[in-house]
Amino acid sequence: MPEQQDSSLADVGLAQAQCRRFEGGSWRDFTDTVTPEVRISLLWPASEPILLWAYPSDLTDLALGHALIELCLPGQVPVLQQATDHEFHLTPQDAPKPRAAAQQRPLEAQEILSSMEDFVTGDGRWDATGCFHRMAVYCPQRKRFIDTVEDIGRHNCIDRMAARMLAAGEIPEELALFISARATASLTDKIARAGFGIVISRAAVTTAGLETARAASMTMVGFARTGRFTVFNDPAGRIQDLEEAP
């Protein structure tokens, strides 16, 4: 069916398509919002091209973050040598010596709940499509979110965020990563390799995800929703466990 584009949706990088829906025992024609998706290619020394599917925005962040987590050796960072719209030539170089992570202030219960509410209700492309994952980085010391990313792939979100934290000179170990997705083993492993010390999900946690968090000494919180959350792992005491005074 022919695709149509609404100008307001184009402003946020979305599209429209003519569709038919069966509902309540009958058919109707309507226009639905759909999400663009493109394939990009990462070229890395002595490796086959790596192909990723992603939402077509800020793709350099995606390429650099993927290379940082998946391709660089410890002590390396990726450098972009050349890029076209969908092809990125990258090489590794030695990373500057990072500063030591500062001692962190524990997150308070109400702080987690109010921050999750802000995370979920903030403006984004996922409202119009139901097609996006979202991740945001919260700084306990500054008591605010410092960055948010969205993509059609949850692993893409981590790649994007890792690149942005590197560019901003942030240390992920000092930060809390809020996620919209389930904390599965593969996702938790990638979050750990990106260096984050706290992951807070509004969704569920799997047994393998929890085992991965324990192995990485990561604080893991799940089911963070209105009025409640569950602490599955907190070896470093990053969640303040104090009852409110009567």
C-alpha atoms as a PDB file:
ATOM      1  CA  MET A   1       0.000   0.000   0.000  1.00  0.00           C
ATOM      2  CA  PRO A   2       1.299   3.525  -0.688  1.00  0.00           C
ATOM      3  CA  GLU A   3       3.061   5.240   2.188  1.00  0.00           C
ATOM      4  CA  GLN A   4       2.038   8.743   3.168  1.00  0.00           C
ATOM      5  CA  GLN A   5       3.978  11.187   5.315  1.00  0.00           C
ATOM      6  CA  ASP A   6       2.440  13.600   7.792  1.00  0.00           C
ATOM      7  CA  SER A   7       4.532  16.738   8.335  1.00  0.00           C
ATOM      8  CA  SER A   8       4.243  16.577  12.135  1.00  0.00           C
ATOM      9  CA  LEU A   9       5.480  12.989  12.131  1.00  0.00           C
ATOM     10  CA  ALA A  10       8.259  13.820   9.714  1.00  0.00           C
ATOM     11  CA  ASP A  11       9.562  16.328  12.240  1.00  0.00           C
ATOM     12  CA  VAL A  12      10.243  13.480  14.694  1.00  0.00           C
ATOM     13  CA  GLY A  13      11.431  11.055  12.038  1.00  0.00           C
ATOM     14  CA  LEU A  14       8.339   8.864  11.777  1.00  0.00           C
ATOM     15  CA  ALA A  15       6.157   7.905   8.820  1.00  0.00           C
ATOM     16  CA  GLN A  16       2.585   6.885   8.015  1.00  0.00           C
ATOM     17  CA  ALA A  17       1.154   4.028   5.963  1.00  0.00           C
ATOM     18  CA  GLN A  18      -2.325   3.191   4.717  1.00  0.00           C
ATOM     19  CA  CYS A  19      -3.593   0.003   6.391  1.00  0.00           C
ATOM     20  CA  ARG A  20      -6.709  -2.068   7.059  1.00  0.00           C
ATOM     21  CA  ARG A  21      -7.691  -3.198  10.550  1.00  0.00           C
ATOM     22  CA  PHE A  22     -10.051  -5.971  11.579  1.00  0.00           C
ATOM     23  CA  GLU A  23     -11.637  -5.107  14.915  1.00  0.00           C
ATOM     24  CA  GLY A  24     -14.981  -5.748  16.554  1.00  0.00           C
ATOM     25  CA  GLY A  25     -16.090  -8.027  13.735  1.00  0.00           C
ATOM     26  CA  SER A  26     -15.529  -5.574  10.901  1.00  0.00           C
ATOM     27  CA  TRP A  27     -12.831  -4.056   8.706  1.00  0.00           C
ATOM     28  CA  ARG A  28     -11.868  -0.408   8.392  1.00  0.00           C
ATOM     29  CA  ASP A  29      -9.267   1.531   6.441  1.00  0.00           C
ATOM     30  CA  PHE A  30      -7.025   3.834   8.427  1.00  0.00           C
ATOM     31  CA  THR A  31      -3.616   5.506   8.528  1.00  0.00           C
ATOM     32  CA  ASP A  32      -1.105   4.114  11.022  1.00  0.00           C
ATOM     33  CA  THR A  33       2.244   5.424  12.265  1.00  0.00           C
ATOM     34  CA  VAL A  34       5.258   3.301  11.345  1.00  0.00           C
ATOM     35  CA  THR A  35       8.918   3.471  12.288  1.00  0.00           C
ATOM     36  CA  PRO A  36      11.737   3.821   9.727  1.00  0.00           C
ATOM     37  CA  GLU A  37      14.480   1.194   9.925  1.00  0.00           C
ATOM     38  CA  VAL A  38      17.787   1.113   8.042  1.00  0.00           C
ATOM     39  CA  ARG A  39      20.755  -1.212   7.827  1.00  0.00           C
ATOM     40  CA  ILE A  40      24.220   0.131   8.586  1.00  0.00           C
ATOM     41  CA  SER A  41      27.604  -1.466   8.018  1.00  0.00           C
ATOM     42  CA  LEU A  42      30.575  -1.239  10.419  1.00  0.00           C
ATOM     43  CA  LEU A  43      34.022  -1.832   8.928  1.00  0.00           C
ATOM     44  CA  TRP A  44      36.675  -2.828  11.491  1.00  0.00           C
ATOM     45  CA  PRO A  45      40.283  -3.907  10.844  1.00  0.00           C
ATOM     46  CA  ALA A  46      40.685  -7.650  10.152  1.00  0.00           C
ATOM     47  CA  SER A  47      36.941  -8.253  10.560  1.00  0.00           C
ATOM     48  CA  GLU A  48      34.050  -9.010   8.257  1.00  0.00           C
ATOM     49  CA  PRO A  49      31.572  -6.133   7.884  1.00  0.00           C
ATOM     50  CA  ILE A  50      29.161  -5.973  10.801  1.00  0.00           C
ATOM     51  CA  LEU A  51      25.558  -5.251   9.857  1.00  0.00           C
ATOM     52  CA  LEU A  52      23.096  -3.588  12.237  1.00  0.00           C
ATOM     53  CA  TRP A  53      19.462  -2.608  11.799  1.00  0.00           C
ATOM     54  CA  ALA A  54      18.512   0.612  13.536  1.00  0.00           C
ATOM     55  CA  TYR A  55      16.383   3.716  13.635  1.00  0.00           C
ATOM     56  CA  PRO A  56      18.040   6.225  11.238  1.00  0.00           C
ATOM     57  CA  SER A  57      19.125   8.941  13.668  1.00  0.00           C
ATOM     58  CA  ASP A  58      22.518   9.650  15.269  1.00  0.00           C
ATOM     59  CA  LEU A  59      23.960   6.556  13.618  1.00  0.00           C
ATOM     60  CA  THR A  60      27.536   7.576  14.363  1.00  0.00           C
ATOM     61  CA  ASP A  61      26.775   7.145  18.069  1.00  0.00           C
ATOM     62  CA  LEU A  62      25.449   3.667  17.351  1.00  0.00           C
ATOM     63  CA  ALA A  63      28.512   2.695  15.316  1.00  0.00           C
ATOM     64  CA  LEU A  64      31.011   4.027  17.857  1.00  0.00           C
ATOM     65  CA  GLY A  65      29.189   2.522  20.825  1.00  0.00           C
ATOM     66  CA  HIS A  66      28.898  -0.889  19.207  1.00  0.00           C
ATOM     67  CA  ALA A  67      32.604  -0.856  18.396  1.00  0.00           C
ATOM     68  CA  LEU A  68      33.441   0.276  21.937  1.00  0.00           C
ATOM     69  CA  ILE A  69      31.533  -2.570  23.596  1.00  0.00           C
ATOM     70  CA  GLU A  70      31.834  -5.376  21.065  1.00  0.00           C
ATOM     71  CA  LEU A  71      35.096  -4.812  19.170  1.00  0.00           C
ATOM     72  CA  CYS A  72      37.584  -2.854  21.261  1.00  0.00           C
ATOM     73  CA  LEU A  73      40.011  -4.600  23.581  1.00  0.00           C
ATOM     74  CA  PRO A  74      40.385  -3.389  27.190  1.00  0.00           C
ATOM     75  CA  GLY A  75      42.159  -0.037  27.149  1.00  0.00           C
ATOM     76  CA  GLN A  76      40.990   0.814  23.626  1.00  0.00           C
ATOM     77  CA  VAL A  77      38.409   3.222  22.227  1.00  0.00           C
ATOM     78  CA  PRO A  78      37.063   3.393  18.657  1.00  0.00           C
ATOM     79  CA  VAL A  79      37.854   6.193  16.235  1.00  0.00           C
ATOM     80  CA  LEU A  80      35.742   7.030  13.205  1.00  0.00           C
ATOM     81  CA  GLN A  81      37.940   7.209  10.096  1.00  0.00           C
ATOM     82  CA  GLN A  82      35.315   7.670   7.397  1.00  0.00           C
ATOM     83  CA  ALA A  83      31.543   7.531   7.127  1.00  0.00           C
ATOM     84  CA  THR A  84      28.758   7.685   4.577  1.00  0.00           C
ATOM     85  CA  ASP A  85      25.068   7.645   5.417  1.00  0.00           C
ATOM     86  CA  HIS A  86      25.083   3.939   6.266  1.00  0.00           C
ATOM     87  CA  GLU A  87      28.732   2.802   6.251  1.00  0.00           C
ATOM     88  CA  PHE A  88      31.233   3.497   9.020  1.00  0.00           C
ATOM     89  CA  HIS A  89      34.995   2.833   8.861  1.00  0.00           C
ATOM     90  CA  LEU A  90      36.371   2.507  12.398  1.00  0.00           C
ATOM     91  CA  THR A  91      39.732   1.728  13.985  1.00  0.00           C
ATOM     92  CA  PRO A  92      40.849   1.248  17.602  1.00  0.00           C
ATOM     93  CA  GLN A  93      43.251   3.470  19.472  1.00  0.00           C
ATOM     94  CA  ASP A  94      44.592   3.536  23.019  1.00  0.00           C
ATOM     95  CA  ALA A  95      42.176   5.093  25.469  1.00  0.00           C
ATOM     96  CA  PRO A  96      43.256   7.912  27.758  1.00  0.00           C
ATOM     97  CA  LYS A  97      43.677   6.853  31.360  1.00  0.00           C
ATOM     98  CA  PRO A  98      40.288   7.263  33.051  1.00  0.00           C
ATOM     99  CA  ARG A  99      39.865   8.865  36.434  1.00  0.00           C
ATOM    100  CA  ALA A 100      38.851   6.622  39.303  1.00  0.00           C
ATOM    101  CA  ALA A 101      35.132   6.320  39.947  1.00  0.00           C
ATOM    102  CA  ALA A 102      33.959   8.440  42.862  1.00  0.00           C
ATOM    103  CA  GLN A 103      32.184   6.988  45.878  1.00  0.00           C
ATOM    104  CA  GLN A 104      28.481   7.020  45.138  1.00  0.00           C
ATOM    105  CA  ARG A 105      25.528   8.318  47.107  1.00  0.00           C
ATOM    106  CA  PRO A 106      22.907   5.554  47.561  1.00  0.00           C
ATOM    107  CA  LEU A 107      19.660   6.044  45.659  1.00  0.00           C
ATOM    108  CA  GLU A 108      16.606   6.612  47.831  1.00  0.00           C
ATOM    109  CA  ALA A 109      13.369   4.694  47.290  1.00  0.00           C
ATOM    110  CA  GLN A 110      11.249   7.722  46.377  1.00  0.00           C
ATOM    111  CA  GLU A 111      14.040   8.973  44.147  1.00  0.00           C
ATOM    112  CA  ILE A 112      13.879   5.747  42.128  1.00  0.00           C
ATOM    113  CA  LEU A 113      10.092   5.894  41.850  1.00  0.00           C
ATOM    114  CA  SER A 114       9.917   9.547  40.812  1.00  0.00           C
ATOM    115  CA  SER A 115      12.785   9.118  38.357  1.00  0.00           C
ATOM    116  CA  MET A 116      11.101   6.093  36.769  1.00  0.00           C
ATOM    117  CA  GLU A 117       7.908   8.122  36.406  1.00  0.00           C
ATOM    118  CA  ASP A 118       9.858  10.868  34.612  1.00  0.00           C
ATOM    119  CA  PHE A 119      11.589   8.242  32.468  1.00  0.00           C
ATOM    120  CA  VAL A 120       8.341   6.596  31.378  1.00  0.00           C
ATOM    121  CA  THR A 121       6.287   9.746  30.806  1.00  0.00           C
ATOM    122  CA  GLY A 122       8.952  11.819  29.052  1.00  0.00           C
ATOM    123  CA  ASP A 123       8.329  12.765  25.425  1.00  0.00           C
ATOM    124  CA  GLY A 124       9.621  10.313  22.860  1.00  0.00           C
ATOM    125  CA  ARG A 125       8.970   8.448  19.639  1.00  0.00           C
ATOM    126  CA  TRP A 126       7.756   5.340  21.449  1.00  0.00           C
ATOM    127  CA  ASP A 127       4.457   7.085  22.286  1.00  0.00           C
ATOM    128  CA  ALA A 128       3.396   7.280  18.644  1.00  0.00           C
ATOM    129  CA  THR A 129       4.528   3.846  17.523  1.00  0.00           C
ATOM    130  CA  GLY A 130       4.969   1.378  20.390  1.00  0.00           C
ATOM    131  CA  CYS A 131       8.078   0.341  18.457  1.00  0.00           C
ATOM    132  CA  PHE A 132      10.919   1.878  20.466  1.00  0.00           C
ATOM    133  CA  HIS A 133      12.980   0.894  23.468  1.00  0.00           C
ATOM    134  CA  ARG A 134      14.211   3.688  25.708  1.00  0.00           C
ATOM    135  CA  MET A 135      17.186   4.034  28.053  1.00  0.00           C
ATOM    136  CA  ALA A 136      18.222   6.956  30.209  1.00  0.00           C
ATOM    137  CA  VAL A 137      21.213   7.645  32.435  1.00  0.00           C
ATOM    138  CA  TYR A 138      20.587   9.064  35.903  1.00  0.00           C
ATOM    139  CA  CYS A 139      23.379  10.641  37.945  1.00  0.00           C
ATOM    140  CA  PRO A 140      22.899  10.130  41.703  1.00  0.00           C
ATOM    141  CA  GLN A 141      25.310  12.956  42.514  1.00  0.00           C
ATOM    142  CA  ARG A 142      23.499  15.489  40.319  1.00  0.00           C
ATOM    143  CA  LYS A 143      20.070  13.997  41.127  1.00  0.00           C
ATOM    144  CA  ARG A 144      18.891  14.171  37.522  1.00  0.00           C
ATOM    145  CA  PHE A 145      18.911  12.411  34.180  1.00  0.00           C
ATOM    146  CA  ILE A 146      21.824  13.459  32.010  1.00  0.00           C
ATOM    147  CA  ASP A 147      20.954  11.671  28.741  1.00  0.00           C
ATOM    148  CA  THR A 148      18.220   9.613  27.045  1.00  0.00           C
ATOM    149  CA  VAL A 149      18.279   7.472  23.898  1.00  0.00           C
ATOM    150  CA  GLU A 150      15.672   5.522  21.929  1.00  0.00           C
ATOM    151  CA  ASP A 151      15.978   2.874  19.222  1.00  0.00           C
ATOM    152  CA  ILE A 152      14.026  -0.017  17.780  1.00  0.00           C
ATOM    153  CA  GLY A 153      16.625  -2.386  19.286  1.00  0.00           C
ATOM    154  CA  ARG A 154      17.360  -2.544  23.011  1.00  0.00           C
ATOM    155  CA  HIS A 155      20.998  -3.496  22.374  1.00  0.00           C
ATOM    156  CA  ASN A 156      21.251  -0.511  20.044  1.00  0.00           C
ATOM    157  CA  CYS A 157      20.209   1.718  22.942  1.00  0.00           C
ATOM    158  CA  ILE A 158      23.179   0.540  25.012  1.00  0.00           C
ATOM    159  CA  ASP A 159      25.542   1.082  22.081  1.00  0.00           C
ATOM    160  CA  ARG A 160      24.263   4.613  21.617  1.00  0.00           C
ATOM    161  CA  MET A 161      24.482   5.421  25.312  1.00  0.00           C
ATOM    162  CA  ALA A 162      27.993   4.003  25.673  1.00  0.00           C
ATOM    163  CA  ALA A 163      29.242   6.261  22.879  1.00  0.00           C
ATOM    164  CA  ARG A 164      27.537   9.308  24.364  1.00  0.00           C
ATOM    165  CA  MET A 165      28.943   8.675  27.839  1.00  0.00           C
ATOM    166  CA  LEU A 166      32.452   8.263  26.390  1.00  0.00           C
ATOM    167  CA  ALA A 167      32.144  11.512  24.427  1.00  0.00           C
ATOM    168  CA  ALA A 168      30.865  13.341  27.513  1.00  0.00           C
ATOM    169  CA  GLY A 169      33.667  12.047  29.720  1.00  0.00           C
ATOM    170  CA  GLU A 170      31.237  10.273  32.051  1.00  0.00           C
ATOM    171  CA  ILE A 171      32.114   7.128  34.026  1.00  0.00           C
ATOM    172  CA  PRO A 172      29.219   4.631  33.657  1.00  0.00           C
ATOM    173  CA  GLU A 173      30.094   2.967  36.975  1.00  0.00           C
ATOM    174  CA  GLU A 174      28.948   6.153  38.730  1.00  0.00           C
ATOM    175  CA  LEU A 175      25.581   6.215  36.950  1.00  0.00           C
ATOM    176  CA  ALA A 176      22.241   4.410  37.022  1.00  0.00           C
ATOM    177  CA  LEU A 177      20.839   3.104  33.731  1.00  0.00           C
ATOM    178  CA  PHE A 178      17.031   3.162  33.494  1.00  0.00           C
ATOM    179  CA  ILE A 179      15.662   0.768  30.854  1.00  0.00           C
ATOM    180  CA  SER A 180      12.256  -0.009  29.374  1.00  0.00           C
ATOM    181  CA  ALA A 181      13.157  -3.603  28.439  1.00  0.00           C
ATOM    182  CA  ARG A 182      13.311  -6.861  30.389  1.00  0.00           C
ATOM    183  CA  ALA A 183      16.658  -7.472  32.086  1.00  0.00           C
ATOM    184  CA  THR A 184      17.633 -10.640  30.237  1.00  0.00           C
ATOM    185  CA  ALA A 185      21.068 -12.283  30.293  1.00  0.00           C
ATOM    186  CA  SER A 186      22.192 -10.849  26.951  1.00  0.00           C
ATOM    187  CA  LEU A 187      21.024  -7.337  27.792  1.00  0.00           C
ATOM    188  CA  THR A 188      22.463  -7.386  31.311  1.00  0.00           C
ATOM    189  CA  ASP A 189      25.782  -8.699  30.005  1.00  0.00           C
ATOM    190  CA  LYS A 190      26.017  -5.844  27.517  1.00  0.00           C
ATOM    191  CA  ILE A 191      25.113  -3.286  30.190  1.00  0.00           C
ATOM    192  CA  ALA A 192      27.859  -4.712  32.404  1.00  0.00           C
ATOM    193  CA  ARG A 193      30.404  -4.585  29.581  1.00  0.00           C
ATOM    194  CA  ALA A 194      29.424  -0.955  28.983  1.00  0.00           C
ATOM    195  CA  GLY A 195      30.476  -0.343  32.591  1.00  0.00           C
ATOM    196  CA  PHE A 196      27.207   0.587  34.307  1.00  0.00           C
ATOM    197  CA  GLY A 197      26.961  -0.262  38.005  1.00  0.00           C
ATOM    198  CA  ILE A 198      23.178   0.050  38.390  1.00  0.00           C
ATOM    199  CA  VAL A 199      20.375  -1.070  36.066  1.00  0.00           C
ATOM    200  CA  ILE A 200      16.764  -0.180  36.863  1.00  0.00           C
ATOM    201  CA  SER A 201      14.070  -1.775  34.703  1.00  0.00           C
ATOM    202  CA  ARG A 202      10.366  -1.062  34.629  1.00  0.00           C
ATOM    203  CA  ALA A 203       9.947  -4.633  33.387  1.00  0.00           C
ATOM    204  CA  ALA A 204      10.880  -8.129  34.562  1.00  0.00           C
ATOM    205  CA  VAL A 205      14.212  -9.754  35.407  1.00  0.00           C
ATOM    206  CA  THR A 206      15.176 -13.257  34.245  1.00  0.00           C
ATOM    207  CA  THR A 207      17.138 -15.802  36.268  1.00  0.00           C
ATOM    208  CA  ALA A 208      20.024 -15.649  33.808  1.00  0.00           C
ATOM    209  CA  GLY A 209      19.907 -11.862  33.852  1.00  0.00           C
ATOM    210  CA  LEU A 210      20.153 -11.938  37.637  1.00  0.00           C
ATOM    211  CA  GLU A 211      23.066 -14.389  37.531  1.00  0.00           C
ATOM    212  CA  THR A 212      24.819 -12.083  35.072  1.00  0.00           C
ATOM    213  CA  ALA A 213      24.260  -9.088  37.353  1.00  0.00           C
ATOM    214  CA  ARG A 214      25.616 -11.011  40.336  1.00  0.00           C
ATOM    215  CA  ALA A 215      28.721 -12.062  38.415  1.00  0.00           C
ATOM    216  CA  ALA A 216      29.327  -8.415  37.478  1.00  0.00           C
ATOM    217  CA  SER A 217      28.584  -7.115  41.014  1.00  0.00           C
ATOM    218  CA  MET A 218      25.869  -4.969  39.450  1.00  0.00           C
ATOM    219  CA  THR A 219      22.921  -3.523  41.347  1.00  0.00           C
ATOM    220  CA  MET A 220      19.747  -4.774  39.642  1.00  0.00           C
ATOM    221  CA  VAL A 221      16.254  -3.388  40.180  1.00  0.00           C
ATOM    222  CA  GLY A 222      13.155  -4.639  38.362  1.00  0.00           C
ATOM    223  CA  PHE A 223       9.420  -3.976  38.212  1.00  0.00           C
ATOM    224  CA  ALA A 224       9.993  -0.285  38.975  1.00  0.00           C
ATOM    225  CA  ARG A 225       6.470   0.991  38.545  1.00  0.00           C
ATOM    226  CA  THR A 226       3.976   3.203  40.330  1.00  0.00           C
ATOM    227  CA  GLY A 227       4.624   2.929  44.040  1.00  0.00           C
ATOM    228  CA  ARG A 228       6.921  -0.119  43.998  1.00  0.00           C
ATOM    229  CA  PHE A 229      10.136  -1.707  42.786  1.00  0.00           C
ATOM    230  CA  THR A 230      12.069  -4.907  43.540  1.00  0.00           C
ATOM    231  CA  VAL A 231      15.781  -5.017  44.394  1.00  0.00           C
ATOM    232  CA  PHE A 232      17.202  -8.282  43.030  1.00  0.00           C
ATOM    233  CA  ASN A 233      20.876  -7.585  43.643  1.00  0.00           C
ATOM    234  CA  ASP A 234      22.724  -4.822  45.463  1.00  0.00           C
ATOM    235  CA  PRO A 235      26.149  -6.016  46.634  1.00  0.00           C
ATOM    236  CA  ALA A 236      27.602  -2.516  47.001  1.00  0.00           C
ATOM    237  CA  GLY A 237      24.658  -0.980  48.836  1.00  0.00           C
ATOM    238  CA  ARG A 238      23.724   1.394  46.013  1.00  0.00           C
ATOM    239  CA  ILE A 239      20.041   1.415  47.112  1.00  0.00           C
ATOM    240  CA  GLN A 240      19.326   3.088  50.420  1.00  0.00           C
ATOM    241  CA  ASP A 241      17.530   0.535  52.609  1.00  0.00           C
ATOM    242  CA  LEU A 242      16.062   2.767  55.310  1.00  0.00           C
ATOM    243  CA  GLU A 243      12.494   2.942  56.538  1.00  0.00           C
ATOM    244  CA  GLU A 244      10.986   6.390  56.590  1.00  0.00           C
ATOM    245  CA  ALA A 245      10.738   7.928  60.028  1.00  0.00           C
ATOM    246  CA  PRO A 246       7.209   7.831  61.503  1.00  0.00           C
END
